[in-house]
């Protein structure tokens, strides 16, 4: 017995030509035609479908209603379940996905727009794995933010990602109900795919389209997923062996850079566990491999952050501190990431280096920048929790300084607000001089610093003295500058 669904259909030439050429596959297991009746529009019509576990007959009825295609199929296929999250995609692409995810064949009947749906006796062999070219595609670098789920079905998670990043998903049976718990403030499609791999799922991209097929990887995870599990179980040596295997066996895969980065992270944990400096040296080696081998990696900022921590004394084991080198790496981390938590963490580390060098005012300015620019990150919340006083005037000025907008910062520092304290005024007075010096207004900066010293009579550790000494030297007044080097004499 056959179930018949009626709608009208377009030429298969428009479907077959681009897709076959794109993937260099044989027609077997795909949409096949007896003729090419030229110029139809049905397969070009764009459809949005968001369904979980519906019957194949229901899906095809929907396509029939919205495109004019028509199908007939054996009753045995009518109950196949389909899960799709497709937005604004051609109907032909949807049929193409069904041939691959459900091992179907859509065979055109004569020169009509009617198609017979058959079970394909030669199942689709599968898509090639993602490459570095795929992972560096702007589509996969699209940013997804604000996803918070607890024990939600995979399909709920993918539907949210699909809406935010304009990517499509086909979920193969057996994977749709995998529970997902995650809190995402900002990430990319590429990182989401890696997250899914850690959940025991495999994925593949349909040619150069924005559509991905998600399926269960089965009970035997691949090496990357096994490495993730070993890491979470604190089996660091085992994790390192598996991550290295991925990176060295598949250096051009989408996982290679993450595998190298995670190798470094595991060495850091070993260093902390065993108080082992040699593990830190291994960590540094693998971080540098990420940077040199994958300069377009979305994990570049992570690598620079962890390098900075090795040089600022924040690694797994204490090492000699080199704040100059650390700050350089932290600044590179900020420049090479989209992740707010990395920018906030690097900013805090820079501020800590400033404090170590006695530049307390500069450190405080950096802390204010972090609290203002990355308010939702854990470290910014911690800073606000520790703060005795949060001064919006100083915070706003610090953000403008960080952006190089010194004139606007001066305007802020010179303004007045009702909650301003004497301490706020003192700090603002110093920042005005710093901004003037940064703009090259050396004479004005000298006057501001001298007025600050005369008015507030700060202790010898105050950074105003070093600022004044630098300004005097720049003005050619070396003898006067010597009085202020290292603090007031």
Protein backbone atom coordinates (compact mmCIF):
# COMPACT_ATOMS: atom_id res chain seq x y z
CA UNK A 1 0.00 0.00 0.00
CA UNK A 2 1.22 3.49 -0.79
CA UNK A 3 0.57 6.76 0.98
CA UNK A 4 0.11 9.54 -1.58
CA UNK A 5 0.80 13.23 -1.02
CA UNK A 6 0.12 15.70 -3.78
CA UNK A 7 1.94 18.93 -4.53
CA UNK A 8 3.82 20.39 -7.50
CA UNK A 9 7.58 20.31 -8.08
CA UNK A 10 10.41 22.06 -9.92
CA UNK A 11 13.27 20.98 -12.18
CA UNK A 12 15.79 18.64 -10.66
CA UNK A 13 18.54 20.30 -12.66
CA UNK A 14 18.56 23.25 -10.30
CA UNK A 15 18.83 20.82 -7.39
CA UNK A 16 21.25 18.26 -8.70
CA UNK A 17 23.75 20.41 -10.53
CA UNK A 18 24.99 22.61 -7.69
CA UNK A 19 24.85 19.92 -5.02
CA UNK A 20 26.54 17.20 -7.06
CA UNK A 21 29.23 19.57 -8.21
CA UNK A 22 29.65 20.84 -4.68
CA UNK A 23 30.29 17.46 -3.07
CA UNK A 24 31.49 15.33 -6.02
CA UNK A 25 29.10 12.52 -5.17
CA UNK A 26 27.24 10.03 -7.33
CA UNK A 27 23.45 10.43 -7.60
CA UNK A 28 22.97 7.12 -5.80
CA UNK A 29 21.08 7.67 -2.57
CA UNK A 30 20.09 11.19 -3.54
CA UNK A 31 17.31 12.86 -5.51
CA UNK A 32 17.18 11.25 -8.95
CA UNK A 33 15.24 12.23 -12.05
CA UNK A 34 14.05 10.68 -15.28
CA UNK A 35 14.11 14.01 -17.08
CA UNK A 36 14.81 17.68 -16.43
CA UNK A 37 11.66 19.62 -17.20
CA UNK A 38 13.31 23.03 -17.02
CA UNK A 39 12.76 26.11 -14.98
CA UNK A 40 10.45 25.05 -12.13
CA UNK A 41 10.29 27.21 -9.02
CA UNK A 42 9.10 24.84 -6.29
CA UNK A 43 12.48 23.63 -5.09
CA UNK A 44 13.73 27.20 -4.89
CA UNK A 45 10.99 28.26 -2.50
CA UNK A 46 12.45 29.01 0.90
CA UNK A 47 10.93 27.31 3.90
CA UNK A 48 11.32 27.61 7.66
CA UNK A 49 10.70 24.39 9.59
CA UNK A 50 11.23 23.82 13.31
CA UNK A 51 9.99 20.35 14.23
CA UNK A 52 10.96 17.57 16.62
CA UNK A 53 10.06 13.94 15.98
CA UNK A 54 7.25 14.45 13.45
CA UNK A 55 6.33 11.78 10.93
CA UNK A 56 7.75 11.96 7.43
CA UNK A 57 4.21 12.17 6.03
CA UNK A 58 3.52 15.29 8.10
CA UNK A 59 6.71 16.95 6.92
CA UNK A 60 5.99 16.21 3.26
CA UNK A 61 2.40 17.43 3.63
CA UNK A 62 3.79 20.71 4.92
CA UNK A 63 6.19 20.95 1.97
CA UNK A 64 3.32 20.10 -0.38
CA UNK A 65 1.19 22.89 0.97
CA UNK A 66 3.96 25.49 0.74
CA UNK A 67 5.71 24.50 -2.50
CA UNK A 68 3.33 22.55 -4.73
CA UNK A 69 5.51 19.42 -4.79
CA UNK A 70 3.88 15.98 -4.71
CA UNK A 71 5.12 12.66 -3.35
CA UNK A 72 4.08 9.05 -2.99
CA UNK A 73 5.70 6.53 -0.67
CA UNK A 74 5.37 3.03 0.76
CA UNK A 75 3.45 2.86 4.01
CA UNK A 76 6.56 1.53 5.75
CA UNK A 77 8.26 4.93 5.30
CA UNK A 78 5.33 7.08 6.36
CA UNK A 79 6.07 6.76 10.07
CA UNK A 80 9.75 7.71 9.92
CA UNK A 81 10.44 10.44 12.47
CA UNK A 82 12.20 13.65 11.47
CA UNK A 83 13.78 16.43 13.56
CA UNK A 84 14.74 19.61 11.68
CA UNK A 85 15.63 23.18 12.57
CA UNK A 86 15.78 24.87 9.18
CA UNK A 87 15.36 28.58 8.59
CA UNK A 88 14.78 30.23 5.22
CA UNK A 89 16.22 27.36 3.16
CA UNK A 90 15.22 26.09 -0.33
CA UNK A 91 12.82 23.16 -0.34
CA UNK A 92 15.26 21.26 -2.52
CA UNK A 93 17.92 21.49 0.16
CA UNK A 94 15.50 20.04 2.69
CA UNK A 95 14.83 17.06 0.44
CA UNK A 96 18.55 16.67 -0.05
CA UNK A 97 19.02 16.49 3.71
CA UNK A 98 16.34 13.81 3.99
CA UNK A 99 18.15 11.64 1.46
CA UNK A 100 21.27 11.74 3.62
CA UNK A 101 19.92 11.70 7.15
CA UNK A 102 17.16 9.13 6.52
CA UNK A 103 18.68 7.07 3.67
CA UNK A 104 15.87 8.00 1.29
CA UNK A 105 15.68 8.49 -2.44
CA UNK A 106 13.36 10.96 -4.18
CA UNK A 107 12.76 9.70 -7.73
CA UNK A 108 11.01 11.95 -10.24
CA UNK A 109 8.15 10.39 -12.17
CA UNK A 110 8.52 11.28 -15.85
CA UNK A 111 8.53 14.99 -16.61
CA UNK A 112 6.08 15.79 -13.86
CA UNK A 113 6.55 17.42 -10.49
CA UNK A 114 5.64 14.16 -8.75
CA UNK A 115 8.25 12.23 -6.80
CA UNK A 116 8.33 8.69 -5.54
CA UNK A 117 9.96 8.27 -2.12
CA UNK A 118 11.95 5.05 -1.76
CA UNK A 119 14.23 3.46 0.77
CA UNK A 120 17.78 3.78 -0.53
CA UNK A 121 19.50 0.40 -0.67
CA UNK A 122 22.92 2.09 -0.78
CA UNK A 123 22.98 4.38 2.28
CA UNK A 124 24.76 7.72 2.09
CA UNK A 125 28.39 7.19 3.04
CA UNK A 126 28.61 10.37 5.11
CA UNK A 127 30.07 13.86 4.90
CA UNK A 128 33.78 14.59 5.09
CA UNK A 129 34.98 15.97 8.45
CA UNK A 130 35.26 19.71 8.94
CA UNK A 131 38.59 21.24 7.99
CA UNK A 132 40.46 24.33 9.13
CA UNK A 133 38.92 26.13 6.14
CA UNK A 134 35.45 25.29 7.46
CA UNK A 135 36.20 26.27 11.03
CA UNK A 136 37.61 29.66 9.96
CA UNK A 137 34.57 30.38 7.77
CA UNK A 138 32.82 33.57 9.01
CA UNK A 139 29.64 31.51 9.42
CA UNK A 140 31.23 29.31 12.06
CA UNK A 141 32.76 32.36 13.75
CA UNK A 142 29.28 33.87 14.20
CA UNK A 143 28.83 34.80 17.84
CA UNK A 144 26.07 33.24 19.95
CA UNK A 145 25.27 34.78 23.32
CA UNK A 146 22.96 34.39 26.30
CA UNK A 147 22.03 30.71 26.33
CA UNK A 148 21.16 29.27 29.74
CA UNK A 149 19.80 25.74 29.93
CA UNK A 150 19.58 23.03 32.56
CA UNK A 151 18.88 19.43 31.52
CA UNK A 152 17.14 20.65 28.34
CA UNK A 153 16.78 18.39 25.28
CA UNK A 154 19.42 18.82 22.60
CA UNK A 155 16.70 20.00 20.23
CA UNK A 156 15.88 22.96 22.48
CA UNK A 157 19.54 23.97 22.53
CA UNK A 158 19.90 23.66 18.73
CA UNK A 159 16.71 25.61 18.11
CA UNK A 160 18.09 28.52 20.16
CA UNK A 161 21.45 28.40 18.38
CA UNK A 162 19.72 28.20 15.01
CA UNK A 163 17.72 31.35 15.75
CA UNK A 164 20.69 33.32 17.07
CA UNK A 165 23.34 32.33 14.51
CA UNK A 166 21.21 31.61 11.42
CA UNK A 167 22.49 28.07 11.02
CA UNK A 168 20.37 25.00 10.31
CA UNK A 169 20.41 21.59 12.00
CA UNK A 170 19.14 18.15 11.09
CA UNK A 171 19.12 15.82 14.09
CA UNK A 172 19.29 12.09 13.44
CA UNK A 173 17.10 9.86 15.61
CA UNK A 174 18.66 8.87 18.90
CA UNK A 175 20.31 12.22 19.54
CA UNK A 176 17.43 14.66 19.96
CA UNK A 177 16.78 14.01 23.66
CA UNK A 178 20.37 14.13 24.91
CA UNK A 179 20.25 16.52 27.93
CA UNK A 180 22.16 19.78 27.68
CA UNK A 181 23.16 21.94 30.63
CA UNK A 182 25.10 25.08 29.76
CA UNK A 183 25.48 28.76 30.56
CA UNK A 184 26.80 30.68 27.57
CA UNK A 185 27.52 34.39 27.70
CA UNK A 186 29.34 34.52 24.38
CA UNK A 187 30.68 31.82 22.07
CA UNK A 188 30.85 30.88 18.38
CA UNK A 189 29.15 28.24 16.25
CA UNK A 190 32.53 26.51 15.90
CA UNK A 191 32.90 26.23 19.67
CA UNK A 192 29.33 24.98 20.00
CA UNK A 193 30.12 22.16 17.59
CA UNK A 194 33.14 21.23 19.70
CA UNK A 195 30.92 21.35 22.79
CA UNK A 196 28.56 18.87 21.09
CA UNK A 197 31.48 16.59 20.28
CA UNK A 198 32.28 16.51 23.98
CA UNK A 199 28.71 15.29 24.54
CA UNK A 200 29.32 12.24 22.38
CA UNK A 201 27.78 13.70 19.23
CA UNK A 202 29.20 13.86 15.74
CA UNK A 203 28.42 16.58 13.23
CA UNK A 204 28.96 17.26 9.57
CA UNK A 205 28.42 20.21 7.30
CA UNK A 206 26.38 19.91 4.13
CA UNK A 207 28.83 21.16 1.50
CA UNK A 208 29.35 24.91 1.87
CA UNK A 209 25.85 25.50 3.17
CA UNK A 210 24.83 26.75 6.61
CA UNK A 211 23.30 23.36 7.49
CA UNK A 212 24.74 20.73 9.85
CA UNK A 213 23.71 17.14 10.47
CA UNK A 214 23.95 16.12 14.13
CA UNK A 215 23.98 12.46 15.12
CA UNK A 216 25.01 10.33 18.05
CA UNK A 217 28.58 9.10 17.91
CA UNK A 218 27.50 5.87 19.59
CA UNK A 219 28.98 4.29 22.68
CA UNK A 220 32.55 4.48 21.41
CA UNK A 221 33.41 8.17 21.43
CA UNK A 222 36.19 9.39 19.21
CA UNK A 223 39.53 10.43 20.69
CA UNK A 224 38.53 14.05 21.28
CA UNK A 225 35.39 13.15 23.23
CA UNK A 226 37.37 10.56 25.19
CA UNK A 227 40.00 13.18 25.97
CA UNK A 228 37.31 15.55 27.25
CA UNK A 229 35.97 12.85 29.55
CA UNK A 230 39.45 12.02 30.85
CA UNK A 231 40.08 15.72 31.57
CA UNK A 232 36.81 16.06 33.50
CA UNK A 233 37.72 12.94 35.45
CA UNK A 234 41.10 14.54 36.31
CA UNK A 235 43.02 11.83 34.45
CA UNK A 236 45.40 14.39 33.02
CA UNK A 237 48.06 12.08 31.60
CA UNK A 238 45.41 10.06 29.76
CA UNK A 239 43.79 13.24 28.46
CA UNK A 240 47.13 14.56 27.19
CA UNK A 241 47.80 11.36 25.24
CA UNK A 242 44.39 11.53 23.56
CA UNK A 243 44.50 15.27 22.80
CA UNK A 244 47.97 14.90 21.30
CA UNK A 245 46.78 12.02 19.17
CA UNK A 246 44.01 14.20 17.74
CA UNK A 247 46.35 17.14 17.08
CA UNK A 248 49.09 15.04 15.50
CA UNK A 249 46.88 12.65 13.51
CA UNK A 250 44.50 15.31 12.21
CA UNK A 251 46.46 18.61 12.17
CA UNK A 252 44.11 20.12 9.57
CA UNK A 253 40.91 19.18 11.39
CA UNK A 254 38.63 21.63 13.14
CA UNK A 255 39.68 20.17 16.51
CA UNK A 256 43.47 20.41 16.21
CA UNK A 257 43.92 23.83 17.81
CA UNK A 258 41.57 23.01 20.68
CA UNK A 259 43.38 19.70 21.21
CA UNK A 260 46.74 21.49 21.51
CA UNK A 261 45.27 24.10 23.85
CA UNK A 262 43.74 21.43 26.08
CA UNK A 263 47.05 19.57 26.12
CA UNK A 264 48.59 22.72 27.60
CA UNK A 265 45.75 23.09 30.12
CA UNK A 266 46.23 19.51 31.33
CA UNK A 267 49.97 20.12 31.80
CA UNK A 268 49.07 23.15 33.94
CA UNK A 269 46.91 20.97 36.17
CA UNK A 270 49.74 18.45 36.46
CA UNK A 271 52.12 21.28 37.43
CA UNK A 272 49.71 22.37 40.19
CA UNK A 273 49.10 18.81 41.39
CA UNK A 274 52.75 17.75 41.49
CA UNK A 275 54.43 21.15 41.95
CA UNK A 276 56.34 20.26 38.78
CA UNK A 277 58.07 23.10 36.86
CA UNK A 278 58.80 20.75 33.94
CA UNK A 279 55.06 20.47 33.29
CA UNK A 280 54.91 24.26 32.96
CA UNK A 281 57.61 24.12 30.29
CA UNK A 282 55.53 21.57 28.39
CA UNK A 283 52.48 23.80 28.80
CA UNK A 284 54.34 26.77 27.30
CA UNK A 285 55.51 24.66 24.37
CA UNK A 286 51.98 23.61 23.43
CA UNK A 287 50.56 27.12 23.86
CA UNK A 288 53.16 28.40 21.41
CA UNK A 289 52.19 25.63 18.99
CA UNK A 290 48.61 26.93 19.01
CA UNK A 291 49.81 30.46 18.27
CA UNK A 292 52.32 29.58 15.55
CA UNK A 293 50.35 26.77 13.92
CA UNK A 294 46.84 28.24 13.96
CA UNK A 295 47.08 32.05 13.72
CA UNK A 296 43.36 32.33 12.79
CA UNK A 297 42.18 30.11 15.62
CA UNK A 298 39.27 31.24 17.77
CA UNK A 299 41.30 29.90 20.72
CA UNK A 300 44.21 32.27 20.13
CA UNK A 301 43.11 34.55 22.97
CA UNK A 302 43.00 31.59 25.34
CA UNK A 303 46.58 30.65 24.45
CA UNK A 304 47.87 34.21 25.02
CA UNK A 305 45.99 34.42 28.34
CA UNK A 306 47.56 31.21 29.64
CA UNK A 307 51.02 32.33 28.47
CA UNK A 308 50.56 35.59 30.32
CA UNK A 309 49.65 33.72 33.47
CA UNK A 310 52.88 31.73 33.28
CA UNK A 311 54.86 35.00 33.34
CA UNK A 312 52.80 36.81 35.98
CA UNK A 313 53.05 33.99 38.54
CA UNK A 314 49.52 32.67 38.02
CA UNK A 315 50.36 29.34 36.40
CA UNK A 316 50.02 25.88 37.90
CA UNK A 317 53.30 26.33 39.77
CA UNK A 318 55.11 29.50 40.80
CA UNK A 319 57.63 30.73 38.23
CA UNK A 320 59.79 33.89 38.02
CA UNK A 321 57.59 36.93 37.37
CA UNK A 322 58.18 39.00 34.24
CA UNK A 323 55.37 41.55 34.20
CA UNK A 324 56.56 43.23 31.00
CA UNK A 325 56.23 39.98 29.06
CA UNK A 326 53.04 39.04 30.90
CA UNK A 327 51.29 42.32 30.06
CA UNK A 328 52.28 41.91 26.40
CA UNK A 329 50.62 38.48 26.30
CA UNK A 330 47.54 39.71 28.15
CA UNK A 331 47.09 42.55 25.69
CA UNK A 332 47.36 40.06 22.83
CA UNK A 333 44.75 37.91 24.57
CA UNK A 334 42.33 40.85 24.65
CA UNK A 335 42.99 41.64 20.98
CA UNK A 336 42.55 38.06 19.77
CA UNK A 337 39.35 36.86 21.40
CA UNK A 338 35.63 37.47 21.26
CA UNK A 339 35.13 35.98 24.75
CA UNK A 340 34.37 38.56 27.42
CA UNK A 341 35.63 36.34 30.23
CA UNK A 342 39.09 36.16 28.63
CA UNK A 343 39.18 39.92 28.14
CA UNK A 344 38.12 40.45 31.75
CA UNK A 345 40.60 37.90 33.11
CA UNK A 346 43.47 39.37 31.06
CA UNK A 347 42.51 42.87 32.18
CA UNK A 348 42.59 41.87 35.84
CA UNK A 349 45.99 40.26 35.39
CA UNK A 350 47.29 43.45 33.77
CA UNK A 351 45.95 45.45 36.72
CA UNK A 352 47.68 43.07 39.13
CA UNK A 353 50.95 43.63 37.27
CA UNK A 354 50.44 47.38 37.64
CA UNK A 355 49.90 46.92 41.37
CA UNK A 356 53.05 44.82 41.61
CA UNK A 357 54.96 47.69 39.95
CA UNK A 358 53.48 50.22 42.40
CA UNK A 359 51.13 51.78 39.85
CA UNK A 360 48.07 51.68 42.05
CA UNK A 361 46.10 54.39 40.30
CA UNK A 362 46.64 52.75 36.93
CA UNK A 363 45.61 49.40 38.38
CA UNK A 364 42.44 50.88 39.80
CA UNK A 365 41.63 52.44 36.44
CA UNK A 366 41.97 49.01 34.81
CA UNK A 367 39.71 47.40 37.42
CA UNK A 368 37.10 50.05 36.69
CA UNK A 369 37.35 49.37 32.97
CA UNK A 370 36.69 45.67 33.56
CA UNK A 371 33.71 46.31 35.83
CA UNK A 372 32.25 48.73 33.26
CA UNK A 373 32.92 46.82 30.02
CA UNK A 374 32.35 43.21 31.12
CA UNK A 375 29.71 43.48 33.86
CA UNK A 376 28.32 39.96 33.36
CA UNK A 377 31.60 38.09 33.74
CA UNK A 378 32.30 36.29 37.04
CA UNK A 379 35.49 38.24 37.64
CA UNK A 380 33.75 41.61 37.18
CA UNK A 381 31.08 40.57 39.67
CA UNK A 382 33.81 39.57 42.09
CA UNK A 383 35.49 42.95 41.67
CA UNK A 384 32.23 44.74 42.40
CA UNK A 385 31.69 42.52 45.42
CA UNK A 386 35.07 43.45 46.84
CA UNK A 387 34.78 47.15 46.04
CA UNK A 388 34.13 49.42 49.00
CA UNK A 389 33.24 52.27 46.71
CA UNK A 390 32.16 52.23 43.07
CA UNK A 391 32.63 55.64 41.53
CA UNK A 392 30.80 55.99 38.17
CA UNK A 393 32.84 59.12 37.34
CA UNK A 394 36.15 57.32 37.64
CA UNK A 395 34.79 54.20 35.94
CA UNK A 396 33.53 56.17 32.93
CA UNK A 397 36.80 58.07 32.65
CA UNK A 398 38.82 54.86 32.84
CA UNK A 399 36.84 53.36 29.94
CA UNK A 400 37.51 56.45 27.82
CA UNK A 401 41.22 56.31 28.68
CA UNK A 402 41.36 52.67 27.63
CA UNK A 403 39.84 53.71 24.29
CA UNK A 404 42.40 56.50 23.85
CA UNK A 405 39.72 59.22 24.16
CA UNK A 406 41.75 61.34 26.56
CA UNK A 407 40.01 64.68 25.94
CA UNK A 408 36.62 63.16 26.72
CA UNK A 409 38.09 61.48 29.79
CA UNK A 410 39.38 64.85 31.03
CA UNK A 411 35.90 66.30 30.58
CA UNK A 412 34.52 63.51 32.74
CA UNK A 413 37.19 63.94 35.42
CA UNK A 414 36.58 67.69 35.55
CA UNK A 415 32.83 67.24 35.98
CA UNK A 416 31.07 67.01 39.33
CA UNK A 417 28.38 64.71 40.66
CA UNK A 418 26.53 64.73 43.96
CA UNK A 419 28.01 61.50 45.29
CA UNK A 420 31.62 62.42 44.61
CA UNK A 421 33.98 62.16 47.57
CA UNK A 422 37.25 63.93 48.35
CA UNK A 423 39.08 60.72 47.45
CA UNK A 424 37.31 60.62 44.08
CA UNK A 425 38.36 64.20 43.42
CA UNK A 426 41.98 63.36 44.26
CA UNK A 427 42.02 60.40 41.90
CA UNK A 428 40.34 62.40 39.14
CA UNK A 429 42.94 65.19 39.50
CA UNK A 430 45.75 62.69 38.95
CA UNK A 431 44.03 61.10 35.94
CA UNK A 432 43.70 64.54 34.29
CA UNK A 433 47.48 64.89 34.35
CA UNK A 434 47.92 61.36 32.98
CA UNK A 435 45.55 62.15 30.10
CA UNK A 436 47.34 65.43 29.32
CA UNK A 437 50.68 63.60 29.19
CA UNK A 438 49.18 60.93 26.91
CA UNK A 439 47.99 63.67 24.52
CA UNK A 440 51.47 65.21 24.39
CA UNK A 441 50.45 68.28 26.40
CA UNK A 442 53.59 68.03 28.54
CA UNK A 443 53.52 71.57 29.99
CA UNK A 444 49.90 71.25 31.09
CA UNK A 445 50.62 67.81 32.58
CA UNK A 446 53.56 69.18 34.62
CA UNK A 447 51.35 71.93 36.04
CA UNK A 448 48.61 69.43 36.89
CA UNK A 449 51.00 67.03 38.66
CA UNK A 450 52.68 69.87 40.58
CA UNK A 451 49.29 71.19 41.67
CA UNK A 452 48.29 67.66 42.73
CA UNK A 453 51.46 67.25 44.86
CA UNK A 454 51.03 70.68 46.43
CA UNK A 455 47.35 70.12 47.26
CA UNK A 456 47.27 66.49 48.40
CA UNK A 457 50.85 66.11 49.72
CA UNK A 458 50.87 62.38 48.83
CA UNK A 459 53.27 59.84 50.35
CA UNK A 460 56.49 58.83 48.57
CA UNK A 461 54.86 55.74 47.00
CA UNK A 462 52.26 57.78 45.10
CA UNK A 463 52.52 57.32 41.33
CA UNK A 464 52.16 61.08 40.76
CA UNK A 465 55.90 61.47 41.36
CA UNK A 466 56.89 59.06 38.59
CA UNK A 467 54.43 60.75 36.20
CA UNK A 468 55.88 64.15 37.10
CA UNK A 469 59.46 62.93 36.63
CA UNK A 470 58.66 61.55 33.15
CA UNK A 471 56.96 64.78 32.12
CA UNK A 472 59.89 66.89 33.34
CA UNK A 473 62.38 64.70 31.48
CA UNK A 474 60.31 65.03 28.32
CA UNK A 475 60.37 68.80 28.76
CA UNK A 476 64.19 68.74 29.03
CA UNK A 477 64.23 69.49 32.74
CA UNK A 478 66.33 66.53 33.82
CA UNK A 479 67.73 68.07 37.01
CA UNK A 480 64.21 68.68 38.36
CA UNK A 481 63.08 65.22 37.24
CA UNK A 482 65.77 63.55 39.34
CA UNK A 483 64.10 64.88 42.49
CA UNK A 484 61.01 62.81 41.81
CA UNK A 485 62.40 59.54 40.50
CA UNK A 486 61.32 56.70 42.79
CA UNK A 487 59.01 58.98 44.74
CA UNK A 488 59.38 62.27 46.60
CA UNK A 489 62.85 62.84 48.03
